[in-house]
Each structure stands twice: as structure tokens, then as C-alpha cells.
């Protein structure tokens, strides 16, 4: 999965929210001051080149749809984060969460019980 810029990720979040949409639909979700429609349309084109979007013709324009699910993108980002910051080890992540008291022993035990059920 190709890496997205912050702006591409922001636009992609809106696309996942909307599903099938056109650049003008995404533009409508932005607060004032809104970016220019050409900026949003350019991001759509970049996302399509990177394989995140597909399109179909609708009248004189295109309707785009996400080709990558949000969960799949999130998993990819998480993997990259763990690789970069925790030496490719999810156990190092868990250790850090416990050490920083972000996860309790009770929560870990509950998680282990759920894993055993699977």
C-alpha cells in the first residue's frame, strides 16, 4: 500500500465517510475557509493513481469509490508504526502500554481469555 500524504489521508477519510462520491461532495464536508475544488479534484486523481480510488463516468464527471477499506489502511499504518518505533514487535508495543499504565493487568487477562476462545 502506497503511503499517503496528510492531505491525501484527510480527503480519504471524507471519502470513506461518504462512500461513492465526487470531489464536490467531499468539498461540502470542509468548514470555511474551504479548499479550492481543483485542490480536492487533484487529490482525488493522486489517490486514484496510488490505487486507493476507482471511478465511473456519471454525466459529465466521475463518481469515485474507495478501493481500499479504512480498516485495511489502518492496519497498514499500524504495521508501519510498529516496525518503525517498536522494532517490528507487537510485544514491545504491549510492554510499552503496560509500562505506561495504558493497559491494566486485568485488561490483558481479559484479552488473553478472548484469544483462547477463538
Protein backbone atom coordinates (compact mmCIF):
# COMPACT_ATOMS: atom_id res chain seq x y z
CA UNK A 1 0.00 0.00 0.00
CA UNK A 2 1.48 3.33 -1.04
CA UNK A 3 1.96 5.95 1.65
CA UNK A 4 -0.47 8.88 1.73
CA UNK A 5 0.36 12.48 2.47
CA UNK A 6 -1.52 14.19 5.29
CA UNK A 7 -3.81 15.95 2.78
CA UNK A 8 -4.49 12.72 0.88
CA UNK A 9 -5.30 10.94 4.13
CA UNK A 10 -7.65 13.77 5.15
CA UNK A 11 -9.52 13.57 1.83
CA UNK A 12 -9.59 9.78 2.02
CA UNK A 13 -11.21 9.99 5.48
CA UNK A 14 -14.03 12.02 3.92
CA UNK A 15 -14.35 9.56 1.04
CA UNK A 16 -14.62 6.62 3.47
CA UNK A 17 -17.32 8.56 5.30
CA UNK A 18 -19.29 9.20 2.11
CA UNK A 19 -18.66 6.03 0.11
CA UNK A 20 -19.34 6.76 -3.56
CA UNK A 21 -18.81 10.48 -4.14
CA UNK A 22 -17.46 13.27 -6.32
CA UNK A 23 -14.90 15.90 -5.31
CA UNK A 24 -17.71 18.42 -4.75
CA UNK A 25 -19.26 16.08 -2.16
CA UNK A 26 -16.00 15.99 -0.21
CA UNK A 27 -15.60 19.75 -0.55
CA UNK A 28 -19.01 20.22 1.10
CA UNK A 29 -17.71 18.49 4.26
CA UNK A 30 -14.95 21.05 4.82
CA UNK A 31 -15.52 24.01 7.13
CA UNK A 32 -14.83 27.55 5.96
CA UNK A 33 -12.47 28.53 4.53
CA UNK A 34 -12.88 25.61 2.16
CA UNK A 35 -10.03 24.47 -0.07
CA UNK A 36 -10.46 25.13 -3.79
CA UNK A 37 -12.36 22.44 -5.71
CA UNK A 38 -9.34 21.99 -8.00
CA UNK A 39 -7.21 21.09 -4.98
CA UNK A 40 -9.69 18.39 -3.96
CA UNK A 41 -10.00 17.11 -7.55
CA UNK A 42 -6.20 16.87 -7.80
CA UNK A 43 -6.06 14.86 -4.57
CA UNK A 44 -8.72 12.51 -6.00
CA UNK A 45 -6.54 11.96 -9.07
CA UNK A 46 -3.49 11.27 -6.90
CA UNK A 47 -5.46 8.83 -4.77
CA UNK A 48 -6.63 7.04 -7.90
CA UNK A 49 -3.04 6.79 -9.21
CA UNK A 50 -1.98 5.31 -5.87
CA UNK A 51 -4.73 2.69 -6.11
CA UNK A 52 -6.99 4.00 -3.35
CA UNK A 53 -9.87 5.07 -5.61
CA UNK A 54 -11.68 3.86 -8.68
CA UNK A 55 -14.21 5.80 -10.73
CA UNK A 56 -17.12 5.52 -13.11
CA UNK A 57 -18.49 8.11 -15.51
CA UNK A 58 -21.59 9.94 -14.33
CA UNK A 59 -22.88 12.60 -16.69
CA UNK A 60 -20.02 14.98 -17.41
CA UNK A 61 -17.99 13.94 -14.37
CA UNK A 62 -16.88 10.98 -12.34
CA UNK A 63 -18.15 9.25 -9.25
CA UNK A 64 -15.34 7.77 -7.20
CA UNK A 65 -15.37 4.84 -4.82
CA UNK A 66 -12.78 3.68 -2.31
CA UNK A 67 -10.84 0.59 -3.39
CA UNK A 68 -9.04 0.30 -0.07
CA UNK A 69 -11.08 -0.21 3.08
CA UNK A 70 -10.44 2.05 6.03
CA UNK A 71 -9.63 -0.91 8.30
CA UNK A 72 -7.04 -2.23 5.83
CA UNK A 73 -5.42 1.20 5.64
CA UNK A 74 -5.41 1.49 9.43
CA UNK A 75 -3.77 -1.92 9.79
CA UNK A 76 -1.12 -0.93 7.27
CA UNK A 77 -0.40 2.30 9.17
CA UNK A 78 -0.22 0.40 12.46
CA UNK A 79 2.21 -2.14 10.99
CA UNK A 80 4.45 0.67 9.73
CA UNK A 81 4.32 2.40 13.13
CA UNK A 82 5.22 -0.79 14.99
CA UNK A 83 8.02 -1.52 12.54
CA UNK A 84 9.45 1.97 12.84
CA UNK A 85 9.07 2.62 16.56
CA UNK A 86 8.96 -0.80 18.23
CA UNK A 87 11.45 -2.91 16.29
CA UNK A 88 8.83 -4.90 14.35
CA UNK A 89 7.46 -6.29 17.63
CA UNK A 90 3.86 -6.05 18.78
CA UNK A 91 5.01 -7.46 22.12
CA UNK A 92 7.17 -4.36 22.52
CA UNK A 93 4.01 -2.30 21.97
CA UNK A 94 2.13 -4.27 24.63
CA UNK A 95 5.08 -3.92 27.02
CA UNK A 96 5.13 -0.16 26.49
CA UNK A 97 1.38 0.07 27.08
CA UNK A 98 1.68 -1.85 30.34
CA UNK A 99 4.75 0.12 31.43
CA UNK A 100 2.98 3.42 30.76
CA UNK A 101 -0.14 2.11 32.53
CA UNK A 102 -2.29 2.50 29.42
CA UNK A 103 -3.40 -1.14 29.76
CA UNK A 104 -4.08 -2.87 33.06
CA UNK A 105 -3.24 -6.44 34.00
CA UNK A 106 -6.99 -7.14 34.17
CA UNK A 107 -7.44 -5.92 30.60
CA UNK A 108 -4.57 -8.11 29.43
CA UNK A 109 -6.01 -11.16 31.16
CA UNK A 110 -9.42 -10.48 29.63
CA UNK A 111 -7.79 -10.15 26.21
CA UNK A 112 -5.96 -13.47 26.69
CA UNK A 113 -9.22 -15.18 27.64
CA UNK A 114 -10.84 -13.84 24.47
CA UNK A 115 -7.90 -15.10 22.41
CA UNK A 116 -8.23 -18.58 23.89
CA UNK A 117 -11.93 -18.65 22.97
CA UNK A 118 -11.03 -18.04 19.32
